[in-house]
């Protein structure tokens, strides 16, 4: 009997071997290498030049900014310092003092009070000192001050207006409505009535208000004003007649009533009561 043939061996799972390449490596010519190195060097030089140019541009801009800032700062210093230096220099010292708003006598007293300011640089004139000096001048109610370069102080005053006189010991003092003394005299001062109340008191204020409410035709006829209280003002006329005025309220109406009464009653009435303007009483 014939034997069967043995089975064929299983195929191998290993990958077939790859044969190693035995061909020659690619070659680069020396010329190509030299060209590549030249390009690299050129690129590096170009980059360094660009960086240097950027640094110079930044430095130039920064320098320009510093120059502009320095010039602007110098101009600011000069523009501020120059007026200050000129203002405090002798060229801008006070040389003239002008006074307006009052009569010649009052202007002279104000200039005399401000004479210590002559020679002081106009910018250094102290407003507080000026106020103190002018406040000591009798007759000035208020004032304004202007500095006029190069060397003028211009003073505008509002004078006090005399309204009455009061006794000041053995003398007489001319006073305004606030009771401020403007001047004194050893005798009666013509043209103003005598108020028998303490200057500055409420009674004096009421009497001054009554005097200021009198019309120009009536005021010169008033010789004395008494005010025991602010609501009991009495006027004595130059011819001796007594006028009961009452309070300072309704001054224009009372003045009109008194003017009419003086016309209609003549000299027969020795007392005229206008404390109620609509109901005048005479006696």
Protein backbone atom coordinates (compact mmCIF):
# COMPACT_ATOMS: atom_id res chain seq x y z
CA UNK A 1 0.00 0.00 0.00
CA UNK A 2 1.27 3.46 -0.92
CA UNK A 3 1.82 6.07 1.94
CA UNK A 4 0.21 9.57 1.69
CA UNK A 5 2.54 12.60 1.18
CA UNK A 6 3.31 14.64 4.31
CA UNK A 7 1.41 18.00 4.72
CA UNK A 8 3.10 21.18 3.51
CA UNK A 9 4.48 23.48 6.25
CA UNK A 10 2.29 26.61 7.18
CA UNK A 11 3.31 29.89 5.64
CA UNK A 12 5.56 32.04 7.84
CA UNK A 13 3.92 35.15 9.45
CA UNK A 14 7.14 37.16 9.41
CA UNK A 15 7.28 40.09 6.93
CA UNK A 16 9.61 39.59 4.10
CA UNK A 17 12.94 41.31 4.60
CA UNK A 18 13.53 44.57 2.76
CA UNK A 19 16.70 44.73 1.00
CA UNK A 20 18.96 47.68 2.06
CA UNK A 21 19.48 50.39 -0.50
CA UNK A 22 22.93 50.33 -1.79
CA UNK A 23 22.58 53.43 -4.08
CA UNK A 24 24.87 56.54 -3.62
CA UNK A 25 23.81 59.54 -1.24
CA UNK A 26 22.80 62.86 -2.88
CA UNK A 27 25.64 65.42 -2.96
CA UNK A 28 25.51 69.29 -2.53
CA UNK A 29 28.00 71.33 -4.38
CA UNK A 30 30.33 73.72 -2.66
CA UNK A 31 28.92 76.60 -4.67
CA UNK A 32 25.45 75.90 -3.34
CA UNK A 33 26.77 75.82 0.25
CA UNK A 34 28.58 79.09 -0.26
CA UNK A 35 25.42 80.71 -1.69
CA UNK A 36 23.33 79.47 1.27
CA UNK A 37 25.87 80.79 3.75
CA UNK A 38 25.92 84.16 1.93
CA UNK A 39 22.14 84.35 2.04
CA UNK A 40 22.17 83.60 5.78
CA UNK A 41 24.82 86.25 6.41
CA UNK A 42 22.91 88.78 4.29
CA UNK A 43 19.67 88.04 6.12
CA UNK A 44 21.42 88.44 9.49
CA UNK A 45 22.98 91.73 8.44
CA UNK A 46 19.61 92.99 7.16
CA UNK A 47 17.96 92.03 10.45
CA UNK A 48 20.69 93.77 12.46
CA UNK A 49 20.38 96.88 10.30
CA UNK A 50 16.59 96.91 10.77
CA UNK A 51 16.97 96.52 14.55
CA UNK A 52 19.56 99.31 14.66
CA UNK A 53 17.30 101.58 12.57
CA UNK A 54 14.39 100.90 14.92
CA UNK A 55 16.56 101.72 17.94
CA UNK A 56 17.72 104.96 16.29
CA UNK A 57 14.14 105.91 15.40
CA UNK A 58 12.93 105.27 18.94
CA UNK A 59 15.87 107.20 20.37
CA UNK A 60 15.28 110.07 17.94
CA UNK A 61 11.56 110.24 18.82
CA UNK A 62 12.33 110.12 22.52
CA UNK A 63 14.91 112.89 22.11
CA UNK A 64 12.41 114.96 20.15
CA UNK A 65 9.80 114.51 22.85
CA UNK A 66 12.29 115.56 25.52
CA UNK A 67 13.21 118.65 23.52
CA UNK A 68 9.55 119.60 23.02
CA UNK A 69 8.82 119.08 26.73
CA UNK A 70 11.86 121.13 27.72
CA UNK A 71 10.89 123.98 25.38
CA UNK A 72 7.26 123.96 26.61
CA UNK A 73 8.39 123.90 30.23
CA UNK A 74 10.81 126.75 29.65
CA UNK A 75 8.12 128.80 27.94
CA UNK A 76 5.73 128.16 30.84
CA UNK A 77 8.33 129.19 33.39
CA UNK A 78 9.17 132.35 31.47
CA UNK A 79 5.51 133.27 30.89
CA UNK A 80 4.70 132.86 34.59
CA UNK A 81 7.87 134.23 36.09
CA UNK A 82 8.18 137.32 33.89
CA UNK A 83 4.94 139.01 35.02
CA UNK A 84 5.65 138.11 38.63
CA UNK A 85 9.17 139.49 38.49
CA UNK A 86 7.97 142.63 36.74
CA UNK A 87 5.10 143.08 39.20
CA UNK A 88 7.35 142.94 42.24
CA UNK A 89 10.07 145.07 40.67
CA UNK A 90 10.51 148.75 41.57
CA UNK A 91 9.26 149.63 38.09
CA UNK A 92 5.78 148.49 39.22
CA UNK A 93 5.79 150.17 42.63
CA UNK A 94 2.83 152.32 43.71
CA UNK A 95 3.44 155.92 42.73
CA UNK A 96 -0.09 157.34 42.38
CA UNK A 97 -3.26 157.01 44.47
CA UNK A 98 -6.48 158.25 42.91
CA UNK A 99 -9.70 158.65 44.90
CA UNK A 100 -13.14 159.20 43.36
CA UNK A 101 -16.66 159.30 44.76
CA UNK A 102 -16.20 161.86 47.53
CA UNK A 103 -15.41 165.53 47.90
CA UNK A 104 -11.86 166.90 47.88
CA UNK A 105 -11.52 166.81 51.65
CA UNK A 106 -12.55 163.16 51.87
CA UNK A 107 -10.29 162.22 48.95
CA UNK A 108 -7.37 163.91 50.69
CA UNK A 109 -7.97 161.96 53.90
CA UNK A 110 -8.12 158.67 52.00
CA UNK A 111 -4.88 159.40 50.12
CA UNK A 112 -3.20 160.34 53.38
CA UNK A 113 -4.36 157.09 54.99
CA UNK A 114 -2.94 155.07 52.09
CA UNK A 115 0.38 156.93 51.88
CA UNK A 116 2.31 153.97 53.45
CA UNK A 117 1.49 152.00 50.28
CA UNK A 118 3.55 154.35 48.10
CA UNK A 119 6.70 152.52 46.99
CA UNK A 120 5.24 149.05 47.59
CA UNK A 121 5.17 146.81 44.48
CA UNK A 122 1.61 146.98 43.23
CA UNK A 123 1.19 143.19 43.27
CA UNK A 124 2.20 143.08 46.94
CA UNK A 125 -0.30 145.67 48.17
CA UNK A 126 -2.24 143.91 50.93
CA UNK A 127 -6.00 144.30 50.58
CA UNK A 128 -6.48 143.78 54.31
CA UNK A 129 -4.12 146.63 55.14
CA UNK A 130 -5.91 148.89 52.67
CA UNK A 131 -9.28 148.03 54.24
CA UNK A 132 -7.98 148.75 57.74
CA UNK A 133 -6.54 152.11 56.72
CA UNK A 134 -9.65 153.27 54.85
CA UNK A 135 -11.98 152.07 57.61
CA UNK A 136 -10.24 154.55 59.92
CA UNK A 137 -11.23 157.43 57.63
CA UNK A 138 -14.38 159.14 58.86
CA UNK A 139 -16.88 159.63 56.08
CA UNK A 140 -16.26 156.47 54.02
CA UNK A 141 -19.15 154.01 54.07
CA UNK A 142 -17.64 151.54 51.57
CA UNK A 143 -15.00 151.44 48.85
CA UNK A 144 -13.57 149.41 45.99
CA UNK A 145 -9.91 149.08 45.04
CA UNK A 146 -8.28 148.56 41.64
CA UNK A 147 -4.59 148.03 40.89
CA UNK A 148 -3.68 149.73 37.62
CA UNK A 149 -0.17 148.92 36.34
CA UNK A 150 2.40 150.19 36.32
CA UNK A 151 1.89 152.04 39.60
CA UNK A 152 -1.61 153.34 40.36
CA UNK A 153 -4.02 152.44 43.14
CA UNK A 154 -7.53 153.55 42.14
CA UNK A 155 -9.99 153.86 45.05
CA UNK A 156 -13.72 154.36 44.50
CA UNK A 157 -15.44 155.44 47.74
CA UNK A 158 -19.07 155.67 48.75
CA UNK A 159 -19.23 158.51 51.28
CA UNK A 160 -21.40 158.55 54.34
CA UNK A 161 -24.24 161.08 54.20
CA UNK A 162 -24.78 163.25 57.28
CA UNK A 163 -28.38 163.23 58.48
CA UNK A 164 -28.26 164.75 61.94
CA UNK A 165 -26.16 165.97 64.82
CA UNK A 166 -26.03 164.73 68.40
CA UNK A 167 -24.50 166.07 71.56
CA UNK A 168 -21.01 164.76 72.24
CA UNK A 169 -20.21 166.10 75.69
CA UNK A 170 -19.85 169.84 75.34
CA UNK A 171 -19.58 169.57 71.52
CA UNK A 172 -21.79 168.53 68.66
CA UNK A 173 -21.10 165.56 66.40
CA UNK A 174 -22.29 165.34 62.80
CA UNK A 175 -23.44 161.74 62.20
CA UNK A 176 -24.89 159.60 59.43
CA UNK A 177 -27.93 157.32 59.63
CA UNK A 178 -25.85 154.60 61.31
CA UNK A 179 -24.70 157.03 64.03
CA UNK A 180 -21.10 157.18 62.76
CA UNK A 181 -19.42 160.48 63.60
CA UNK A 182 -18.23 162.39 60.56
CA UNK A 183 -16.91 165.47 62.33
CA UNK A 184 -17.39 167.44 65.51
CA UNK A 185 -17.94 171.09 66.29
CA UNK A 186 -18.00 173.22 69.41
CA UNK A 187 -21.30 174.80 68.29
CA UNK A 188 -24.48 173.75 66.56
CA UNK A 189 -23.88 172.59 62.98
CA UNK A 190 -26.01 174.44 60.48
CA UNK A 191 -28.21 172.52 58.07
CA UNK A 192 -28.92 169.39 60.16
CA UNK A 193 -31.41 168.81 62.99
CA UNK A 194 -30.35 167.91 66.50
CA UNK A 195 -31.44 164.43 67.60
CA UNK A 196 -31.86 163.96 71.34
CA UNK A 197 -31.17 160.23 71.32
CA UNK A 198 -27.99 158.22 71.70
CA UNK A 199 -26.31 157.67 68.34
CA UNK A 200 -26.65 154.06 67.22
CA UNK A 201 -29.62 153.25 69.48
CA UNK A 202 -32.97 152.00 68.18
CA UNK A 203 -34.53 155.35 69.04
CA UNK A 204 -31.82 157.16 67.07
CA UNK A 205 -32.37 154.84 64.09
CA UNK A 206 -36.09 155.66 64.11
CA UNK A 207 -35.34 159.40 64.30
CA UNK A 208 -32.84 159.12 61.41
CA UNK A 209 -35.43 157.23 59.31
CA UNK A 210 -37.94 160.03 59.92
CA UNK A 211 -35.42 162.71 58.91
CA UNK A 212 -34.56 160.84 55.70
CA UNK A 213 -38.28 160.57 54.79
CA UNK A 214 -38.82 164.35 54.95
CA UNK A 215 -39.15 166.11 51.57
CA UNK A 216 -36.57 168.72 50.62
CA UNK A 217 -38.99 171.57 51.25
CA UNK A 218 -39.80 170.39 54.77
CA UNK A 219 -36.46 169.11 56.09
CA UNK A 220 -34.83 172.55 56.61
CA UNK A 221 -37.75 173.57 58.88
CA UNK A 222 -37.01 170.80 61.40
CA UNK A 223 -34.77 171.98 64.23
CA UNK A 224 -34.89 169.17 66.78
CA UNK A 225 -35.96 165.52 66.72
CA UNK A 226 -36.76 163.76 69.99
CA UNK A 227 -37.29 160.01 70.27
CA UNK A 228 -38.05 158.80 73.81
CA UNK A 229 -38.90 155.47 72.15
CA UNK A 230 -38.74 154.27 68.54
CA UNK A 231 -42.56 154.62 68.31
CA UNK A 232 -42.78 158.14 69.76
CA UNK A 233 -40.74 160.39 67.49
CA UNK A 234 -41.44 164.14 67.88
CA UNK A 235 -40.26 167.00 65.66
CA UNK A 236 -39.78 170.60 66.77
CA UNK A 237 -39.96 173.05 63.90
CA UNK A 238 -37.92 176.21 63.61
CA UNK A 239 -41.01 178.32 64.53
CA UNK A 240 -41.46 176.30 67.75
CA UNK A 241 -44.40 174.12 66.71
CA UNK A 242 -44.42 170.48 67.81
CA UNK A 243 -45.14 167.62 65.44
CA UNK A 244 -46.14 164.23 66.86
CA UNK A 245 -44.84 161.78 64.28
CA UNK A 246 -45.08 158.43 66.05
CA UNK A 247 -43.06 155.55 64.54
CA UNK A 248 -40.95 155.75 61.41
CA UNK A 249 -43.58 153.77 59.46
CA UNK A 250 -45.56 155.45 56.65
CA UNK A 251 -42.98 158.23 56.38
CA UNK A 252 -44.07 159.58 52.94
CA UNK A 253 -47.75 159.64 53.92
CA UNK A 254 -47.00 161.43 57.21
CA UNK A 255 -44.76 163.95 55.43
CA UNK A 256 -47.54 164.72 52.93
CA UNK A 257 -50.08 165.10 55.76
CA UNK A 258 -47.75 167.46 57.65
CA UNK A 259 -47.10 169.60 54.56
CA UNK A 260 -50.86 169.91 53.95
CA UNK A 261 -51.55 170.73 57.60
CA UNK A 262 -48.93 173.48 57.68
CA UNK A 263 -50.63 175.08 54.67
CA UNK A 264 -54.20 174.86 55.96
CA UNK A 265 -53.88 175.57 59.70
CA UNK A 266 -51.36 178.37 59.40
CA UNK A 267 -49.58 179.45 62.55
CA UNK A 268 -52.56 179.07 64.83
CA UNK A 269 -51.83 175.43 65.62
CA UNK A 270 -49.02 174.77 68.07
CA UNK A 271 -49.19 170.99 67.86
CA UNK A 272 -49.82 168.79 64.84
CA UNK A 273 -50.35 165.05 65.23
CA UNK A 274 -49.65 163.06 62.05
CA UNK A 275 -49.05 159.70 63.72
CA UNK A 276 -52.17 158.50 61.87
CA UNK A 277 -51.77 160.09 58.41
CA UNK A 278 -55.44 159.71 57.50
CA UNK A 279 -56.60 161.46 60.66
CA UNK A 280 -54.45 164.52 61.38
CA UNK A 281 -55.12 166.25 64.69
CA UNK A 282 -54.10 169.84 65.42
CA UNK A 283 -54.19 171.84 68.60
